[in-house]
mmCIF file of all heavy atoms, coordinates in Angstrom:
data_MODEL
# 
_entry.id   MODEL 
# 
loop_
_atom_site.group_PDB 
_atom_site.id 
_atom_site.type_symbol 
_atom_site.label_atom_id 
_atom_site.label_alt_id 
_atom_site.label_comp_id 
_atom_site.label_asym_id 
_atom_site.label_entity_id 
_atom_site.label_seq_id 
_atom_site.pdbx_PDB_ins_code 
_atom_site.Cartn_x 
_atom_site.Cartn_y 
_atom_site.Cartn_z 
_atom_site.occupancy 
_atom_site.B_iso_or_equiv 
_atom_site.pdbx_formal_charge 
_atom_site.auth_seq_id 
_atom_site.auth_comp_id 
_atom_site.auth_asym_id 
_atom_site.auth_atom_id 
_atom_site.pdbx_PDB_model_num 
ATOM 1   N N   . PHE A 1 1  ? 0.805  -1.184  -0.010  1.00 0.00 ? 1  PHE A N   1 
ATOM 2   C CA  . PHE A 1 1  ? 0.034  0.004   -0.009  1.00 0.00 ? 1  PHE A CA  1 
ATOM 3   C C   . PHE A 1 1  ? 0.901  1.293   -0.013  1.00 0.00 ? 1  PHE A C   1 
ATOM 4   O O   . PHE A 1 1  ? 0.546  2.272   0.623   1.00 0.00 ? 1  PHE A O   1 
ATOM 5   C CB  . PHE A 1 1  ? -1.026 0.030   1.184   1.00 0.00 ? 1  PHE A CB  1 
ATOM 6   C CG  . PHE A 1 1  ? -1.807 -1.186  1.234   1.00 0.00 ? 1  PHE A CG  1 
ATOM 7   C CD1 . PHE A 1 1  ? -2.260 -1.722  2.441   1.00 0.00 ? 1  PHE A CD1 1 
ATOM 8   C CD2 . PHE A 1 1  ? -2.345 -1.759  0.062   1.00 0.00 ? 1  PHE A CD2 1 
ATOM 9   C CE1 . PHE A 1 1  ? -3.063 -2.813  2.381   1.00 0.00 ? 1  PHE A CE1 1 
ATOM 10  C CE2 . PHE A 1 1  ? -3.218 -2.807  0.109   1.00 0.00 ? 1  PHE A CE2 1 
ATOM 11  C CZ  . PHE A 1 1  ? -3.629 -3.412  1.238   1.00 0.00 ? 1  PHE A CZ  1 
ATOM 12  N N   . THR A 1 2  ? 1.959  1.212   -0.676  1.00 0.00 ? 2  THR A N   1 
ATOM 13  C CA  . THR A 1 2  ? 2.874  2.333   -0.895  1.00 0.00 ? 2  THR A CA  1 
ATOM 14  C C   . THR A 1 2  ? 3.130  2.475   -2.462  1.00 0.00 ? 2  THR A C   1 
ATOM 15  O O   . THR A 1 2  ? 2.923  1.506   -3.202  1.00 0.00 ? 2  THR A O   1 
ATOM 16  C CB  . THR A 1 2  ? 4.150  2.227   -0.111  1.00 0.00 ? 2  THR A CB  1 
ATOM 17  O OG1 . THR A 1 2  ? 4.988  1.147   -0.693  1.00 0.00 ? 2  THR A OG1 1 
ATOM 18  C CG2 . THR A 1 2  ? 3.899  2.035   1.390   1.00 0.00 ? 2  THR A CG2 1 
ATOM 19  N N   . LEU A 1 3  ? 3.617  3.702   -2.753  1.00 0.00 ? 3  LEU A N   1 
ATOM 20  C CA  . LEU A 1 3  ? 4.048  3.909   -4.141  1.00 0.00 ? 3  LEU A CA  1 
ATOM 21  C C   . LEU A 1 3  ? 5.112  2.900   -4.568  1.00 0.00 ? 3  LEU A C   1 
ATOM 22  O O   . LEU A 1 3  ? 5.113  2.370   -5.686  1.00 0.00 ? 3  LEU A O   1 
ATOM 23  C CB  . LEU A 1 3  ? 4.457  5.359   -4.373  1.00 0.00 ? 3  LEU A CB  1 
ATOM 24  C CG  . LEU A 1 3  ? 4.644  5.784   -5.807  1.00 0.00 ? 3  LEU A CG  1 
ATOM 25  C CD1 . LEU A 1 3  ? 3.318  5.700   -6.588  1.00 0.00 ? 3  LEU A CD1 1 
ATOM 26  C CD2 . LEU A 1 3  ? 5.105  7.235   -5.825  1.00 0.00 ? 3  LEU A CD2 1 
ATOM 27  N N   . PRO A 1 4  ? 6.231  2.681   -3.851  1.00 0.00 ? 4  PRO A N   1 
ATOM 28  C CA  . PRO A 1 4  ? 7.274  1.743   -4.293  1.00 0.00 ? 4  PRO A CA  1 
ATOM 29  C C   . PRO A 1 4  ? 6.726  0.330   -4.407  1.00 0.00 ? 4  PRO A C   1 
ATOM 30  O O   . PRO A 1 4  ? 7.082  -0.338  -5.393  1.00 0.00 ? 4  PRO A O   1 
ATOM 31  C CB  . PRO A 1 4  ? 8.185  1.786   -3.157  1.00 0.00 ? 4  PRO A CB  1 
ATOM 32  C CG  . PRO A 1 4  ? 8.108  3.191   -2.545  1.00 0.00 ? 4  PRO A CG  1 
ATOM 33  C CD  . PRO A 1 4  ? 6.607  3.411   -2.623  1.00 0.00 ? 4  PRO A CD  1 
ATOM 34  N N   . GLY A 1 5  ? 5.740  -0.061  -3.626  1.00 0.00 ? 5  GLY A N   1 
ATOM 35  C CA  . GLY A 1 5  ? 5.253  -1.381  -3.794  1.00 0.00 ? 5  GLY A CA  1 
ATOM 36  C C   . GLY A 1 5  ? 4.437  -1.525  -5.058  1.00 0.00 ? 5  GLY A C   1 
ATOM 37  O O   . GLY A 1 5  ? 4.455  -2.539  -5.762  1.00 0.00 ? 5  GLY A O   1 
ATOM 38  N N   . MET A 1 6  ? 3.697  -0.469  -5.330  1.00 0.00 ? 6  MET A N   1 
ATOM 39  C CA  . MET A 1 6  ? 2.954  -0.413  -6.626  1.00 0.00 ? 6  MET A CA  1 
ATOM 40  C C   . MET A 1 6  ? 3.880  -0.462  -7.848  1.00 0.00 ? 6  MET A C   1 
ATOM 41  O O   . MET A 1 6  ? 3.547  -1.095  -8.891  1.00 0.00 ? 6  MET A O   1 
ATOM 42  C CB  . MET A 1 6  ? 2.074  0.813   -6.654  1.00 0.00 ? 6  MET A CB  1 
ATOM 43  C CG  . MET A 1 6  ? 0.914  0.826   -7.661  1.00 0.00 ? 6  MET A CG  1 
ATOM 44  S SD  . MET A 1 6  ? -0.313 2.072   -7.279  1.00 0.00 ? 6  MET A SD  1 
ATOM 45  C CE  . MET A 1 6  ? 0.684  3.575   -7.252  1.00 0.00 ? 6  MET A CE  1 
ATOM 46  N N   . VAL A 1 7  ? 4.994  0.211   -7.700  1.00 0.00 ? 7  VAL A N   1 
ATOM 47  C CA  . VAL A 1 7  ? 5.989  0.344   -8.752  1.00 0.00 ? 7  VAL A CA  1 
ATOM 48  C C   . VAL A 1 7  ? 6.643  -1.085  -9.046  1.00 0.00 ? 7  VAL A C   1 
ATOM 49  O O   . VAL A 1 7  ? 6.743  -1.477  -10.205 1.00 0.00 ? 7  VAL A O   1 
ATOM 50  C CB  . VAL A 1 7  ? 7.145  1.290   -8.502  1.00 0.00 ? 7  VAL A CB  1 
ATOM 51  C CG1 . VAL A 1 7  ? 8.231  1.161   -9.423  1.00 0.00 ? 7  VAL A CG1 1 
ATOM 52  C CG2 . VAL A 1 7  ? 6.548  2.690   -8.512  1.00 0.00 ? 7  VAL A CG2 1 
ATOM 53  N N   . ILE A 1 8  ? 6.754  -1.826  -8.034  1.00 0.00 ? 8  ILE A N   1 
ATOM 54  C CA  . ILE A 1 8  ? 7.291  -3.241  -8.181  1.00 0.00 ? 8  ILE A CA  1 
ATOM 55  C C   . ILE A 1 8  ? 6.351  -4.006  -9.023  1.00 0.00 ? 8  ILE A C   1 
ATOM 56  O O   . ILE A 1 8  ? 6.838  -4.728  -9.993  1.00 0.00 ? 8  ILE A O   1 
ATOM 57  C CB  . ILE A 1 8  ? 7.535  -3.901  -6.781  1.00 0.00 ? 8  ILE A CB  1 
ATOM 58  C CG1 . ILE A 1 8  ? 8.644  -3.161  -6.074  1.00 0.00 ? 8  ILE A CG1 1 
ATOM 59  C CG2 . ILE A 1 8  ? 7.829  -5.380  -7.025  1.00 0.00 ? 8  ILE A CG2 1 
ATOM 60  C CD1 . ILE A 1 8  ? 8.800  -3.693  -4.551  1.00 0.00 ? 8  ILE A CD1 1 
ATOM 61  N N   . GLY A 1 9  ? 5.047  -4.018  -8.700  1.00 0.00 ? 9  GLY A N   1 
ATOM 62  C CA  . GLY A 1 9  ? 4.062  -4.784  -9.449  1.00 0.00 ? 9  GLY A CA  1 
ATOM 63  C C   . GLY A 1 9  ? 3.973  -4.282  -10.910 1.00 0.00 ? 9  GLY A C   1 
ATOM 64  O O   . GLY A 1 9  ? 3.864  -5.156  -11.847 1.00 0.00 ? 9  GLY A O   1 
ATOM 65  N N   . GLN A 1 10 ? 3.956  -3.029  -11.160 1.00 0.00 ? 10 GLN A N   1 
ATOM 66  C CA  . GLN A 1 10 ? 3.829  -2.517  -12.435 1.00 0.00 ? 10 GLN A CA  1 
ATOM 67  C C   . GLN A 1 10 ? 5.144  -2.733  -13.311 1.00 0.00 ? 10 GLN A C   1 
ATOM 68  O O   . GLN A 1 10 ? 5.078  -2.958  -14.532 1.00 0.00 ? 10 GLN A O   1 
ATOM 69  C CB  . GLN A 1 10 ? 3.579  -1.005  -12.427 1.00 0.00 ? 10 GLN A CB  1 
ATOM 70  C CG  . GLN A 1 10 ? 2.185  -0.698  -11.902 1.00 0.00 ? 10 GLN A CG  1 
ATOM 71  C CD  . GLN A 1 10 ? 1.962  0.767   -11.726 1.00 0.00 ? 10 GLN A CD  1 
ATOM 72  O OE1 . GLN A 1 10 ? 2.877  1.572   -11.688 1.00 0.00 ? 10 GLN A OE1 1 
ATOM 73  N NE2 . GLN A 1 10 ? 0.684  1.151   -11.750 1.00 0.00 ? 10 GLN A NE2 1 
ATOM 74  N N   . THR A 1 11 ? 6.310  -2.862  -12.685 1.00 0.00 ? 11 THR A N   1 
ATOM 75  C CA  . THR A 1 11 ? 7.471  -3.234  -13.340 1.00 0.00 ? 11 THR A CA  1 
ATOM 76  C C   . THR A 1 11 ? 7.411  -4.599  -13.835 1.00 0.00 ? 11 THR A C   1 
ATOM 77  O O   . THR A 1 11 ? 7.873  -4.908  -14.978 1.00 0.00 ? 11 THR A O   1 
ATOM 78  C CB  . THR A 1 11 ? 8.737  -3.036  -12.366 1.00 0.00 ? 11 THR A CB  1 
ATOM 79  O OG1 . THR A 1 11 ? 8.819  -1.687  -11.988 1.00 0.00 ? 11 THR A OG1 1 
ATOM 80  C CG2 . THR A 1 11 ? 10.018 -3.440  -13.131 1.00 0.00 ? 11 THR A CG2 1 
ATOM 81  N N   . LEU A 1 12 ? 6.986  -5.519  -13.032 1.00 0.00 ? 12 LEU A N   1 
ATOM 82  C CA  . LEU A 1 12 ? 6.791  -6.929  -13.450 1.00 0.00 ? 12 LEU A CA  1 
ATOM 83  C C   . LEU A 1 12 ? 5.745  -7.041  -14.562 1.00 0.00 ? 12 LEU A C   1 
ATOM 84  O O   . LEU A 1 12 ? 5.815  -7.932  -15.379 1.00 0.00 ? 12 LEU A O   1 
ATOM 85  C CB  . LEU A 1 12 ? 6.359  -7.782  -12.190 1.00 0.00 ? 12 LEU A CB  1 
ATOM 86  C CG  . LEU A 1 12 ? 7.387  -7.906  -11.131 1.00 0.00 ? 12 LEU A CG  1 
ATOM 87  C CD1 . LEU A 1 12 ? 6.827  -8.775  -9.899  1.00 0.00 ? 12 LEU A CD1 1 
ATOM 88  C CD2 . LEU A 1 12 ? 8.679  -8.513  -11.681 1.00 0.00 ? 12 LEU A CD2 1 
ATOM 89  N N   . LEU A 1 13 ? 4.762  -6.204  -14.591 1.00 0.00 ? 13 LEU A N   1 
ATOM 90  C CA  . LEU A 1 13 ? 3.722  -6.158  -15.627 1.00 0.00 ? 13 LEU A CA  1 
ATOM 91  C C   . LEU A 1 13 ? 4.326  -5.735  -16.956 1.00 0.00 ? 13 LEU A C   1 
ATOM 92  O O   . LEU A 1 13 ? 4.041  -6.256  -18.051 1.00 0.00 ? 13 LEU A O   1 
ATOM 93  C CB  . LEU A 1 13 ? 2.600  -5.207  -15.289 1.00 0.00 ? 13 LEU A CB  1 
ATOM 94  C CG  . LEU A 1 13 ? 1.553  -5.065  -16.316 1.00 0.00 ? 13 LEU A CG  1 
ATOM 95  C CD1 . LEU A 1 13 ? 0.770  -6.328  -16.446 1.00 0.00 ? 13 LEU A CD1 1 
ATOM 96  C CD2 . LEU A 1 13 ? 0.560  -3.960  -15.814 1.00 0.00 ? 13 LEU A CD2 1 
ATOM 97  N N   . ALA A 1 14 ? 5.283  -4.712  -16.866 1.00 0.00 ? 14 ALA A N   1 
ATOM 98  C CA  . ALA A 1 14 ? 5.818  -4.233  -18.202 1.00 0.00 ? 14 ALA A CA  1 
ATOM 99  C C   . ALA A 1 14 ? 7.102  -4.998  -18.671 1.00 0.00 ? 14 ALA A C   1 
ATOM 100 O O   . ALA A 1 14 ? 7.393  -5.024  -19.829 1.00 0.00 ? 14 ALA A O   1 
ATOM 101 C CB  . ALA A 1 14 ? 6.331  -2.765  -17.919 1.00 0.00 ? 14 ALA A CB  1 
ATOM 102 N N   . LEU A 1 15 ? 7.728  -5.775  -17.793 1.00 0.00 ? 15 LEU A N   1 
ATOM 103 C CA  . LEU A 1 15 ? 8.963  -6.519  -18.077 1.00 0.00 ? 15 LEU A CA  1 
ATOM 104 C C   . LEU A 1 15 ? 8.863  -7.447  -19.204 1.00 0.00 ? 15 LEU A C   1 
ATOM 105 O O   . LEU A 1 15 ? 9.641  -7.433  -20.223 1.00 0.00 ? 15 LEU A O   1 
ATOM 106 C CB  . LEU A 1 15 ? 9.552  -7.136  -16.836 1.00 0.00 ? 15 LEU A CB  1 
ATOM 107 C CG  . LEU A 1 15 ? 10.975 -7.683  -16.935 1.00 0.00 ? 15 LEU A CG  1 
ATOM 108 C CD1 . LEU A 1 15 ? 11.920 -6.567  -17.331 1.00 0.00 ? 15 LEU A CD1 1 
ATOM 109 C CD2 . LEU A 1 15 ? 11.387 -8.301  -15.570 1.00 0.00 ? 15 LEU A CD2 1 
ATOM 110 N N   . PRO A 1 16 ? 7.853  -8.347  -19.302 1.00 0.00 ? 16 PRO A N   1 
ATOM 111 C CA  . PRO A 1 16 ? 7.684  -9.276  -20.395 1.00 0.00 ? 16 PRO A CA  1 
ATOM 112 C C   . PRO A 1 16 ? 7.558  -8.546  -21.730 1.00 0.00 ? 16 PRO A C   1 
ATOM 113 O O   . PRO A 1 16 ? 7.941  -9.047  -22.704 1.00 0.00 ? 16 PRO A O   1 
ATOM 114 C CB  . PRO A 1 16 ? 6.483  -10.047 -20.026 1.00 0.00 ? 16 PRO A CB  1 
ATOM 115 C CG  . PRO A 1 16 ? 6.367  -9.955  -18.599 1.00 0.00 ? 16 PRO A CG  1 
ATOM 116 C CD  . PRO A 1 16 ? 6.756  -8.643  -18.245 1.00 0.00 ? 16 PRO A CD  1 
ATOM 117 N N   . ILE A 1 17 ? 6.799  -7.396  -21.749 1.00 0.00 ? 17 ILE A N   1 
ATOM 118 C CA  . ILE A 1 17 ? 6.591  -6.694  -22.974 1.00 0.00 ? 17 ILE A CA  1 
ATOM 119 C C   . ILE A 1 17 ? 7.911  -6.216  -23.525 1.00 0.00 ? 17 ILE A C   1 
ATOM 120 O O   . ILE A 1 17 ? 8.208  -6.299  -24.681 1.00 0.00 ? 17 ILE A O   1 
ATOM 121 C CB  . ILE A 1 17 ? 5.623  -5.492  -22.723 1.00 0.00 ? 17 ILE A CB  1 
ATOM 122 C CG1 . ILE A 1 17 ? 4.259  -5.990  -22.319 1.00 0.00 ? 17 ILE A CG1 1 
ATOM 123 C CG2 . ILE A 1 17 ? 5.538  -4.639  -23.939 1.00 0.00 ? 17 ILE A CG2 1 
ATOM 124 C CD1 . ILE A 1 17 ? 3.316  -4.840  -21.841 1.00 0.00 ? 17 ILE A CD1 1 
ATOM 125 N N   . VAL A 1 18 ? 8.718  -5.669  -22.613 1.00 0.00 ? 18 VAL A N   1 
ATOM 126 C CA  . VAL A 1 18 ? 10.049 -5.033  -23.060 1.00 0.00 ? 18 VAL A CA  1 
ATOM 127 C C   . VAL A 1 18 ? 11.006 -6.258  -23.552 1.00 0.00 ? 18 VAL A C   1 
ATOM 128 O O   . VAL A 1 18 ? 11.566 -6.144  -24.571 1.00 0.00 ? 18 VAL A O   1 
ATOM 129 C CB  . VAL A 1 18 ? 10.673 -4.368  -21.821 1.00 0.00 ? 18 VAL A CB  1 
ATOM 130 C CG1 . VAL A 1 18 ? 12.041 -3.835  -22.265 1.00 0.00 ? 18 VAL A CG1 1 
ATOM 131 C CG2 . VAL A 1 18 ? 9.785  -3.170  -21.435 1.00 0.00 ? 18 VAL A CG2 1 
ATOM 132 N N   . VAL A 1 19 ? 10.946 -7.358  -22.774 1.00 0.00 ? 19 VAL A N   1 
ATOM 133 C CA  . VAL A 1 19 ? 11.961 -8.445  -23.186 1.00 0.00 ? 19 VAL A CA  1 
ATOM 134 C C   . VAL A 1 19 ? 11.526 -9.068  -24.483 1.00 0.00 ? 19 VAL A C   1 
ATOM 135 O O   . VAL A 1 19 ? 12.331 -9.199  -25.386 1.00 0.00 ? 19 VAL A O   1 
ATOM 136 C CB  . VAL A 1 19 ? 12.060 -9.471  -21.998 1.00 0.00 ? 19 VAL A CB  1 
ATOM 137 C CG1 . VAL A 1 19 ? 12.760 -10.742 -22.438 1.00 0.00 ? 19 VAL A CG1 1 
ATOM 138 C CG2 . VAL A 1 19 ? 12.596 -8.921  -20.771 1.00 0.00 ? 19 VAL A CG2 1 
ATOM 139 N N   . SER A 1 20 ? 10.256 -9.380  -24.633 1.00 0.00 ? 20 SER A N   1 
ATOM 140 C CA  . SER A 1 20 ? 9.834  -10.155 -25.731 1.00 0.00 ? 20 SER A CA  1 
ATOM 141 C C   . SER A 1 20 ? 9.829  -9.291  -27.022 1.00 0.00 ? 20 SER A C   1 
ATOM 142 O O   . SER A 1 20 ? 10.317 -9.786  -28.057 1.00 0.00 ? 20 SER A O   1 
ATOM 143 C CB  . SER A 1 20 ? 8.361  -10.744 -25.570 1.00 0.00 ? 20 SER A CB  1 
ATOM 144 O OG  . SER A 1 20 ? 8.356  -11.794 -24.632 1.00 0.00 ? 20 SER A OG  1 
ATOM 145 N N   . TRP A 1 21 ? 9.362  -8.115  -26.943 1.00 0.00 ? 21 TRP A N   1 
ATOM 146 C CA  . TRP A 1 21 ? 9.314  -7.272  -28.140 1.00 0.00 ? 21 TRP A CA  1 
ATOM 147 C C   . TRP A 1 21 ? 10.640 -6.777  -28.437 1.00 0.00 ? 21 TRP A C   1 
ATOM 148 O O   . TRP A 1 21 ? 10.944 -6.486  -29.667 1.00 0.00 ? 21 TRP A O   1 
ATOM 149 C CB  . TRP A 1 21 ? 8.391  -6.199  -27.883 1.00 0.00 ? 21 TRP A CB  1 
ATOM 150 C CG  . TRP A 1 21 ? 6.898  -6.615  -27.908 1.00 0.00 ? 21 TRP A CG  1 
ATOM 151 C CD1 . TRP A 1 21 ? 6.375  -7.853  -27.509 1.00 0.00 ? 21 TRP A CD1 1 
ATOM 152 C CD2 . TRP A 1 21 ? 5.770  -5.828  -28.234 1.00 0.00 ? 21 TRP A CD2 1 
ATOM 153 N NE1 . TRP A 1 21 ? 5.117  -7.922  -27.739 1.00 0.00 ? 21 TRP A NE1 1 
ATOM 154 C CE2 . TRP A 1 21 ? 4.650  -6.726  -28.082 1.00 0.00 ? 21 TRP A CE2 1 
ATOM 155 C CE3 . TRP A 1 21 ? 5.562  -4.579  -28.687 1.00 0.00 ? 21 TRP A CE3 1 
ATOM 156 C CZ2 . TRP A 1 21 ? 3.286  -6.296  -28.405 1.00 0.00 ? 21 TRP A CZ2 1 
ATOM 157 C CZ3 . TRP A 1 21 ? 4.268  -4.083  -28.902 1.00 0.00 ? 21 TRP A CZ3 1 
ATOM 158 C CH2 . TRP A 1 21 ? 3.172  -5.003  -28.833 1.00 0.00 ? 21 TRP A CH2 1 
ATOM 159 N N   . THR A 1 22 ? 11.638 -6.580  -27.572 1.00 0.00 ? 22 THR A N   1 
ATOM 160 C CA  . THR A 1 22 ? 12.976 -6.169  -27.921 1.00 0.00 ? 22 THR A CA  1 
ATOM 161 C C   . THR A 1 22 ? 13.643 -7.377  -28.561 1.00 0.00 ? 22 THR A C   1 
ATOM 162 O O   . THR A 1 22 ? 14.366 -7.164  -29.584 1.00 0.00 ? 22 THR A O   1 
ATOM 163 C CB  . THR A 1 22 ? 13.766 -5.803  -26.594 1.00 0.00 ? 22 THR A CB  1 
ATOM 164 O OG1 . THR A 1 22 ? 13.072 -4.730  -26.000 1.00 0.00 ? 22 THR A OG1 1 
ATOM 165 C CG2 . THR A 1 22 ? 15.203 -5.411  -26.966 1.00 0.00 ? 22 THR A CG2 1 
ATOM 166 N N   . ALA A 1 23 ? 13.417 -8.634  -28.084 1.00 0.00 ? 23 ALA A N   1 
ATOM 167 C CA  . ALA A 1 23 ? 13.940 -9.723  -28.742 1.00 0.00 ? 23 ALA A CA  1 
ATOM 168 C C   . ALA A 1 23 ? 13.440 -9.891  -30.161 1.00 0.00 ? 23 ALA A C   1 
ATOM 169 O O   . ALA A 1 23 ? 14.227 -10.208 -31.118 1.00 0.00 ? 23 ALA A O   1 
ATOM 170 C CB  . ALA A 1 23 ? 13.656 -10.988 -27.926 1.00 0.00 ? 23 ALA A CB  1 
ATOM 171 N N   . GLN A 1 24 ? 12.198 -9.626  -30.334 1.00 0.00 ? 24 GLN A N   1 
ATOM 172 C CA  . GLN A 1 24 ? 11.623 -9.768  -31.689 1.00 0.00 ? 24 GLN A CA  1 
ATOM 173 C C   . GLN A 1 24 ? 12.172 -8.606  -32.642 1.00 0.00 ? 24 GLN A C   1 
ATOM 174 O O   . GLN A 1 24 ? 12.400 -8.835  -33.809 1.00 0.00 ? 24 GLN A O   1 
ATOM 175 C CB  . GLN A 1 24 ? 10.102 -9.518  -31.590 1.00 0.00 ? 24 GLN A CB  1 
ATOM 176 C CG  . GLN A 1 24 ? 9.380  -9.718  -32.868 1.00 0.00 ? 24 GLN A CG  1 
ATOM 177 C CD  . GLN A 1 24 ? 7.810  -9.612  -32.809 1.00 0.00 ? 24 GLN A CD  1 
ATOM 178 O OE1 . GLN A 1 24 ? 7.406  -9.664  -31.685 1.00 0.00 ? 24 GLN A OE1 1 
ATOM 179 N NE2 . GLN A 1 24 ? 7.179  -9.487  -33.898 1.00 0.00 ? 24 GLN A NE2 1 
ATOM 180 N N   . ALA A 1 25 ? 12.358 -7.450  -32.141 1.00 0.00 ? 25 ALA A N   1 
ATOM 181 C CA  . ALA A 1 25 ? 12.967 -6.291  -32.814 1.00 0.00 ? 25 ALA A CA  1 
ATOM 182 C C   . ALA A 1 25 ? 14.415 -6.736  -33.338 1.00 0.00 ? 25 ALA A C   1 
ATOM 183 O O   . ALA A 1 25 ? 14.759 -6.399  -34.506 1.00 0.00 ? 25 ALA A O   1 
ATOM 184 C CB  . ALA A 1 25 ? 12.996 -5.091  -32.082 1.00 0.00 ? 25 ALA A CB  1 
# 
């Protein structure tokens, strides 16, 4: 229930997008 905790979850949400699409590029 803090901003850093929320950032951790959102980072995990964005990470597969960055990894997979960078590999594809």
